[in-house]
């Protein structure tokens, strides 16, 4: 449970940073950025765990390390990219 909360809080910050890093303009305000950031943090955590262990689970380091933060930002960038493709803003 705390792991999920950690990734969600991390995602709020990671979404804002990913939107600043990602090139181009994306639609959506603070709410959309927050939601995409949280989703992206979970995506980053799941992908990291899948790549390193072969299991589809959320990484245990949710919000507790610099590497978790990097995974969350990269996951958020992927989600922003996909969101741009879906909404034709990419």
Protein backbone atom coordinates (compact mmCIF):
# COMPACT_ATOMS: atom_id res chain seq x y z
CA UNK A 1 0.00 0.00 0.00
CA UNK A 2 2.73 2.49 0.96
CA UNK A 3 4.57 1.51 -2.19
CA UNK A 4 1.61 2.65 -4.30
CA UNK A 5 1.34 5.93 -2.41
CA UNK A 6 5.07 6.51 -2.86
CA UNK A 7 4.86 6.02 -6.62
CA UNK A 8 1.76 8.26 -6.84
CA UNK A 9 3.43 11.12 -4.98
CA UNK A 10 6.57 10.66 -7.04
CA UNK A 11 4.43 10.75 -10.18
CA UNK A 12 3.04 14.19 -9.34
CA UNK A 13 6.50 15.70 -9.44
CA UNK A 14 7.76 13.49 -12.27
CA UNK A 15 4.86 14.52 -14.52
CA UNK A 16 5.71 18.20 -14.20
CA UNK A 17 9.40 17.56 -14.87
CA UNK A 18 8.65 15.25 -17.81
CA UNK A 19 6.43 17.90 -19.37
CA UNK A 20 9.25 20.44 -19.06
CA UNK A 21 11.79 18.05 -20.61
CA UNK A 22 9.55 16.65 -23.37
CA UNK A 23 9.93 18.66 -26.61
CA UNK A 24 6.96 20.40 -28.18
CA UNK A 25 3.75 21.63 -26.66
CA UNK A 26 1.30 19.32 -25.01
CA UNK A 27 -2.25 20.20 -24.18
CA UNK A 28 -3.68 19.94 -20.72
CA UNK A 29 -3.21 21.86 -17.56
CA UNK A 30 -2.02 20.99 -14.09
CA UNK A 31 -4.63 18.26 -13.60
CA UNK A 32 -3.76 16.48 -16.85
CA UNK A 33 -0.05 16.79 -16.10
CA UNK A 34 -0.57 15.34 -12.63
CA UNK A 35 -2.62 12.40 -13.91
CA UNK A 36 -0.16 11.67 -16.72
CA UNK A 37 2.70 11.90 -14.23
CA UNK A 38 1.12 9.42 -11.82
CA UNK A 39 0.31 7.02 -14.65
CA UNK A 40 3.83 7.48 -16.00
CA UNK A 41 5.40 6.76 -12.63
CA UNK A 42 3.51 3.49 -12.42
CA UNK A 43 4.48 2.63 -16.01
CA UNK A 44 8.14 3.37 -15.23
CA UNK A 45 8.03 1.26 -12.08
CA UNK A 46 6.35 -1.66 -13.82
CA UNK A 47 8.74 -1.54 -16.79
CA UNK A 48 11.82 -1.37 -14.56
CA UNK A 49 10.66 -4.39 -12.58
CA UNK A 50 9.74 -6.31 -15.72
CA UNK A 51 13.11 -5.62 -17.38
CA UNK A 52 15.18 -6.48 -14.31
CA UNK A 53 13.23 -9.44 -12.90
CA UNK A 54 10.94 -10.65 -15.67
CA UNK A 55 7.94 -10.22 -13.37
CA UNK A 56 5.10 -7.80 -13.94
CA UNK A 57 4.94 -6.03 -10.58
CA UNK A 58 5.58 -2.56 -9.19
CA UNK A 59 9.15 -1.86 -8.11
CA UNK A 60 9.56 -1.80 -4.35
CA UNK A 61 11.61 1.40 -4.35
CA UNK A 62 8.60 3.63 -4.98
CA UNK A 63 9.70 7.16 -4.33
CA UNK A 64 12.65 6.20 -2.19
CA UNK A 65 15.61 6.61 -4.51
CA UNK A 66 17.03 8.68 -7.32
CA UNK A 67 16.66 5.73 -9.70
CA UNK A 68 12.94 5.52 -8.86
CA UNK A 69 12.63 9.19 -9.73
CA UNK A 70 14.41 8.67 -13.06
CA UNK A 71 12.12 5.71 -13.86
CA UNK A 72 9.09 7.85 -13.01
CA UNK A 73 10.21 10.74 -15.23
CA UNK A 74 11.00 8.42 -18.15
CA UNK A 75 7.69 6.62 -17.69
CA UNK A 76 5.90 9.97 -17.63
CA UNK A 77 7.61 11.00 -20.85
CA UNK A 78 6.44 7.77 -22.50
CA UNK A 79 2.88 8.38 -21.31
CA UNK A 80 2.98 12.00 -22.53
CA UNK A 81 4.18 10.76 -25.93
CA UNK A 82 1.42 8.17 -26.16
CA UNK A 83 -1.15 10.72 -24.97
CA UNK A 84 0.05 13.07 -27.72
CA UNK A 85 -0.43 10.34 -30.32
CA UNK A 86 -3.92 9.57 -29.05
CA UNK A 87 -4.96 13.22 -29.00
CA UNK A 88 -3.00 14.08 -32.18
CA UNK A 89 -0.74 16.60 -30.39
CA UNK A 90 2.55 14.76 -30.93
